[in-house]
Amino acid sequence: MPSKKALVRRPGPRLAEGLVTHVEREKVDVDLALEQWEAYVEALRAHGWETVEVDPEDDCPDSVFVEDTVVMYKNVALIARSGAESRREETIGVEEAVARLGCSVNWIWEPGTLDGGDVLKIDDTIYVGRGGRTNAAGVQQLRAAFEPLGARVVAVPVSKVLHLKSAVTALPDGTVIGHIPKVDRPALFPRFLSVPEEAGAHVVLLGGPKLLMAASAPKTAELLTDLGFEPVVVDISEFEKLEGCVTCLSVRLRDLYA
């Protein structure tokens, strides 16, 4: 049986200095952020996920957003190379963590740039956002790494938000959800469901009908409940001030064997 593991990384003391690109900077309460992170990690554990804590990177303000550092497909870990130069040192501890878990490791190389938050996997289809943090060479390198393993890679434009997964994620049945004003090309997705809040576009699949969601999207939680899903709500307000969402705070590994 495949095990369900999630990489997480504790927020560092410089969290409030994290990058912002599409939002106005707000004051971040670092102590509250740590409490919210601990509740997020506990929600994963409570739903059957074994959390693997990556070594902290206290000098990297954005390092809590561990999803951006690596893309997983089957047992292959593709170490990212962020379009934000200040974030590139974040990958060191993550590379060590995935190697310890027995993953095969590949890398995005210069001139390629890619953030894991730009990658949405639905079964064997991998959507890659081409935007501010991921360039064409990064898309090409991801395609070269994963298409030989059976993936179909689809590049999509991202201009209204930081990452592709800032705009869209997917439900367990493969339906893509997003808040229309933030999605460049909804028609690129075979099944698309519009949700009423920007934060409602972000779900983490916990297993079965359970979806990890932010407390800032109550209307979307109501909509998804009406469709037969079971939202598990966490407050991540301090991370949302830094353009973070529920997907950014972990890397879910479903295809590893215990």
Protein backbone atom coordinates (compact mmCIF):
# COMPACT_ATOMS: atom_id res chain seq x y z
CA MET A 1 0.00 0.00 0.00
CA PRO A 2 1.31 3.47 -0.81
CA SER A 3 1.89 5.60 2.26
CA LYS A 4 0.62 9.16 2.58
CA LYS A 5 3.45 11.47 3.57
CA ALA A 6 3.52 15.26 3.60
CA LEU A 7 6.64 17.40 3.72
CA VAL A 8 6.21 20.48 5.90
CA ARG A 9 8.60 23.17 7.09
CA ARG A 10 8.26 25.31 10.20
CA PRO A 11 7.92 29.08 9.59
CA GLY A 12 11.07 30.99 10.43
CA PRO A 13 11.59 34.18 12.44
CA ARG A 14 11.85 36.32 9.27
CA LEU A 15 8.47 35.20 7.89
CA ALA A 16 7.11 38.76 7.89
CA GLU A 17 9.78 39.72 5.32
CA GLY A 18 8.39 37.26 2.76
CA LEU A 19 7.90 38.34 -0.83
CA VAL A 20 4.62 39.84 -2.05
CA THR A 21 3.91 40.53 -5.73
CA HIS A 22 0.16 40.70 -6.39
CA VAL A 23 -1.05 42.00 -3.00
CA GLU A 24 -0.33 44.97 -0.73
CA ARG A 25 2.04 44.21 2.13
CA GLU A 26 0.33 43.72 5.49
CA LYS A 27 1.78 43.24 8.96
CA VAL A 28 2.28 39.53 9.69
CA ASP A 29 1.96 38.20 13.23
CA VAL A 30 4.77 35.61 13.34
CA ASP A 31 3.62 34.04 16.63
CA LEU A 32 0.08 33.61 15.31
CA ALA A 33 1.50 32.20 12.07
CA LEU A 34 3.34 29.49 14.03
CA GLU A 35 0.10 28.57 15.84
CA GLN A 36 -1.75 28.40 12.52
CA TRP A 37 1.01 26.26 11.00
CA GLU A 38 0.86 23.83 13.91
CA ALA A 39 -2.93 23.53 13.49
CA TYR A 40 -2.46 22.94 9.73
CA VAL A 41 0.05 20.16 10.40
CA GLU A 42 -2.25 18.61 12.99
CA ALA A 43 -5.12 18.63 10.45
CA LEU A 44 -2.96 16.62 8.03
CA ARG A 45 -2.03 14.13 10.75
CA ALA A 46 -5.64 13.79 11.91
CA HIS A 47 -6.59 12.65 8.41
CA GLY A 48 -3.98 9.95 8.00
CA TRP A 49 -0.97 11.85 6.71
CA GLU A 50 2.48 11.23 8.16
CA THR A 51 4.20 14.61 8.27
CA VAL A 52 7.92 14.84 7.54
CA GLU A 53 9.42 18.07 8.83
CA VAL A 54 12.11 19.50 6.56
CA ASP A 55 15.00 21.22 8.33
CA PRO A 56 14.16 24.90 8.95
CA GLU A 57 15.74 27.58 6.78
CA ASP A 58 15.55 30.55 9.12
CA ASP A 59 17.34 32.97 6.80
CA CYS A 60 14.77 32.37 4.03
CA PRO A 61 11.54 34.24 4.90
CA ASP A 62 9.40 32.26 2.44
CA SER A 63 10.74 28.81 3.32
CA VAL A 64 7.49 27.73 5.04
CA PHE A 65 5.97 27.59 1.54
CA VAL A 66 7.66 24.26 0.97
CA GLU A 67 5.50 23.29 -2.02
CA ASP A 68 7.49 25.68 -4.23
CA THR A 69 10.75 23.79 -3.77
CA VAL A 70 9.94 20.45 -5.40
CA VAL A 71 7.50 18.73 -7.76
CA MET A 72 6.70 15.07 -7.17
CA TYR A 73 5.54 12.64 -9.85
CA LYS A 74 5.47 8.94 -9.02
CA ASN A 75 8.72 8.43 -7.06
CA VAL A 76 10.63 11.21 -8.83
CA ALA A 77 11.36 14.49 -7.08
CA LEU A 78 12.13 17.39 -9.41
CA ILE A 79 13.95 20.03 -7.38
CA ALA A 80 12.71 23.46 -8.41
CA ARG A 81 14.69 26.59 -9.26
CA SER A 82 12.61 29.60 -8.32
CA GLY A 83 12.19 32.61 -10.54
CA ALA A 84 12.70 34.57 -7.30
CA GLU A 85 16.46 34.35 -6.76
CA SER A 86 16.13 34.96 -3.01
CA ARG A 87 14.22 31.66 -2.66
CA ARG A 88 16.71 29.32 -4.30
CA GLU A 89 18.53 28.27 -1.12
CA GLU A 90 15.25 26.82 0.20
CA THR A 91 15.70 23.66 -1.86
CA ILE A 92 18.73 22.30 0.05
CA GLY A 93 16.89 20.79 3.01
CA VAL A 94 14.05 19.57 0.79
CA GLU A 95 16.46 17.72 -1.51
CA GLU A 96 17.92 15.95 1.53
CA ALA A 97 14.44 15.06 2.83
CA VAL A 98 13.17 13.52 -0.42
CA ALA A 99 16.42 11.60 -0.89
CA ARG A 100 15.98 10.10 2.61
CA LEU A 101 12.48 9.00 1.60
CA GLY A 102 13.95 7.02 -1.29
CA CYS A 103 12.91 9.31 -4.13
CA SER A 104 14.84 9.59 -7.35
CA VAL A 105 16.04 13.20 -7.58
CA ASN A 106 16.19 15.47 -10.65
CA TRP A 107 16.78 19.21 -10.92
CA ILE A 108 15.68 22.25 -12.89
CA TRP A 109 18.84 23.81 -14.30
CA GLU A 110 19.72 27.33 -15.44
CA PRO A 111 18.25 29.02 -17.51
CA GLY A 112 15.11 27.20 -16.38
CA THR A 113 13.03 28.54 -13.52
CA LEU A 114 10.09 26.76 -11.91
CA ASP A 115 8.15 27.04 -8.65
CA GLY A 116 6.24 24.00 -7.41
CA GLY A 117 3.20 26.21 -6.83
CA ASP A 118 2.90 26.48 -10.61
CA VAL A 119 2.28 22.73 -10.98
CA LEU A 120 -1.17 21.12 -10.71
CA LYS A 121 -1.35 17.33 -11.11
CA ILE A 122 -4.58 15.56 -12.00
CA ASP A 123 -3.89 11.85 -12.40
CA ASP A 124 -1.29 11.71 -15.18
CA THR A 125 -1.98 15.20 -16.52
CA ILE A 126 0.37 17.88 -15.22
CA TYR A 127 -0.65 21.49 -15.73
CA VAL A 128 2.25 23.94 -15.49
CA GLY A 129 1.68 27.66 -15.06
CA ARG A 130 3.89 29.85 -17.21
CA GLY A 131 4.08 33.08 -15.24
CA GLY A 132 6.30 35.26 -13.09
CA ARG A 133 8.17 32.43 -11.35
CA THR A 134 8.21 29.71 -14.04
CA ASN A 135 9.68 30.30 -17.50
CA ALA A 136 9.48 28.41 -20.79
CA ALA A 137 12.78 26.59 -20.16
CA GLY A 138 11.45 25.40 -16.79
CA VAL A 139 8.33 24.04 -18.46
CA GLN A 140 10.47 22.24 -21.06
CA GLN A 141 12.66 20.66 -18.38
CA LEU A 142 9.65 19.48 -16.39
CA ARG A 143 8.24 17.94 -19.55
CA ALA A 144 11.55 16.17 -20.23
CA ALA A 145 11.62 14.79 -16.67
CA PHE A 146 8.04 13.51 -16.44
CA GLU A 147 6.72 12.70 -19.92
CA PRO A 148 8.94 9.59 -20.20
CA LEU A 149 7.24 8.37 -16.99
CA GLY A 150 3.78 8.61 -18.56
CA ALA A 151 2.77 12.19 -17.77
CA ARG A 152 0.99 14.55 -20.15
CA VAL A 153 2.26 18.08 -19.58
CA VAL A 154 0.03 21.04 -20.41
CA ALA A 155 1.39 24.60 -20.12
CA VAL A 156 -1.08 27.32 -19.19
CA PRO A 157 -0.64 31.10 -18.89
CA VAL A 158 -0.64 32.73 -15.44
CA SER A 159 -0.73 36.52 -15.23
CA LYS A 160 -3.29 37.49 -12.57
CA VAL A 161 -1.84 35.67 -9.54
CA LEU A 162 1.54 34.52 -8.24
CA HIS A 163 1.26 30.82 -9.14
CA LEU A 164 -1.06 28.54 -11.10
CA LYS A 165 -2.26 27.04 -7.80
CA SER A 166 -3.01 30.53 -6.52
CA ALA A 167 -5.72 30.47 -9.21
CA VAL A 168 -6.86 26.84 -9.47
CA THR A 169 -6.71 23.44 -7.78
CA ALA A 170 -8.70 20.26 -8.41
CA LEU A 171 -11.36 18.23 -6.64
CA PRO A 172 -10.99 14.45 -6.16
CA ASP A 173 -12.97 13.77 -9.36
CA GLY A 174 -10.56 15.91 -11.40
CA THR A 175 -12.82 18.96 -11.71
CA VAL A 176 -10.69 22.11 -11.63
CA ILE A 177 -11.97 24.86 -9.34
CA GLY A 178 -11.10 28.54 -9.51
CA HIS A 179 -12.32 32.07 -8.93
CA ILE A 180 -12.98 33.35 -12.45
CA PRO A 181 -11.45 36.86 -12.07
CA LYS A 182 -8.09 35.23 -11.21
CA VAL A 183 -8.00 32.53 -13.92
CA ASP A 184 -6.43 33.38 -17.28
CA ARG A 185 -8.01 30.65 -19.41
CA PRO A 186 -10.69 28.51 -17.68
CA ALA A 187 -11.48 26.83 -21.01
CA LEU A 188 -8.10 25.06 -20.96
CA PHE A 189 -9.47 22.70 -18.30
CA PRO A 190 -11.91 19.98 -19.46
CA ARG A 191 -14.12 20.38 -16.35
CA PHE A 192 -14.13 23.71 -14.54
CA LEU A 193 -16.22 24.85 -11.57
CA SER A 194 -16.31 28.53 -10.68
CA VAL A 195 -16.16 29.25 -6.93
CA PRO A 196 -17.30 32.47 -5.23
CA GLU A 197 -14.08 33.39 -3.37
CA GLU A 198 -10.44 33.64 -4.36
CA ALA A 199 -9.37 31.56 -1.35
CA GLY A 200 -11.99 28.98 -2.32
CA ALA A 201 -9.86 28.01 -5.31
CA HIS A 202 -7.43 26.21 -2.99
CA VAL A 203 -8.06 22.71 -1.68
CA VAL A 204 -5.78 19.94 -0.46
CA LEU A 205 -7.16 16.44 -1.05
CA LEU A 206 -7.00 14.66 2.30
CA GLY A 207 -8.56 11.41 1.07
CA GLY A 208 -12.09 10.38 0.16
CA PRO A 209 -14.43 13.39 0.12
CA LYS A 210 -12.38 15.41 2.64
CA LEU A 211 -10.88 18.70 1.48
CA LEU A 212 -8.52 20.91 3.49
CA MET A 213 -9.61 24.52 2.96
CA ALA A 214 -8.95 28.00 4.33
CA ALA A 215 -11.38 29.58 6.79
CA SER A 216 -11.46 32.65 4.52
CA ALA A 217 -13.68 30.85 1.96
CA PRO A 218 -16.93 30.02 3.81
CA LYS A 219 -19.17 30.40 0.74
CA THR A 220 -17.02 27.97 -1.23
CA ALA A 221 -17.02 25.53 1.70
CA GLU A 222 -20.82 25.69 1.66
CA LEU A 223 -20.91 25.09 -2.11
CA LEU A 224 -18.58 22.09 -1.88
CA THR A 225 -20.50 20.65 1.07
CA ASP A 226 -23.65 20.87 -1.05
CA LEU A 227 -21.83 18.87 -3.75
CA GLY A 228 -21.08 16.07 -1.28
CA PHE A 229 -17.56 16.99 -0.17
CA GLU A 230 -16.42 17.42 3.43
CA PRO A 231 -14.41 20.62 4.01
CA VAL A 232 -11.83 20.54 6.81
CA VAL A 233 -11.28 24.20 7.61
CA VAL A 234 -8.06 25.78 8.90
CA ASP A 235 -7.23 29.43 9.54
CA ILE A 236 -4.13 30.49 7.59
CA SER A 237 -4.72 34.26 7.62
CA GLU A 238 -1.08 35.17 8.31
CA PHE A 239 0.15 33.11 5.35
CA GLU A 240 -2.54 34.56 3.06
CA LYS A 241 -0.99 37.99 3.69
CA LEU A 242 2.09 36.60 1.89
CA GLU A 243 0.08 35.10 -1.00
CA GLY A 244 0.18 31.68 0.63
CA CYS A 245 -2.65 29.15 0.57
CA VAL A 246 -3.36 25.67 1.93
CA THR A 247 -1.48 23.92 -0.87
CA CYS A 248 1.72 25.98 -0.37
CA LEU A 249 2.37 24.74 3.15
CA SER A 250 3.03 21.08 2.32
CA VAL A 251 4.18 18.71 -0.39
CA ARG A 252 1.93 15.66 -0.52
CA LEU A 253 3.58 12.38 -1.51
CA ARG A 254 1.02 9.73 -2.35
CA ASP A 255 2.99 7.31 -4.50
CA LEU A 256 5.73 6.24 -2.12
CA TYR A 257 5.60 2.79 -0.58
CA ALA A 258 6.12 2.33 3.13
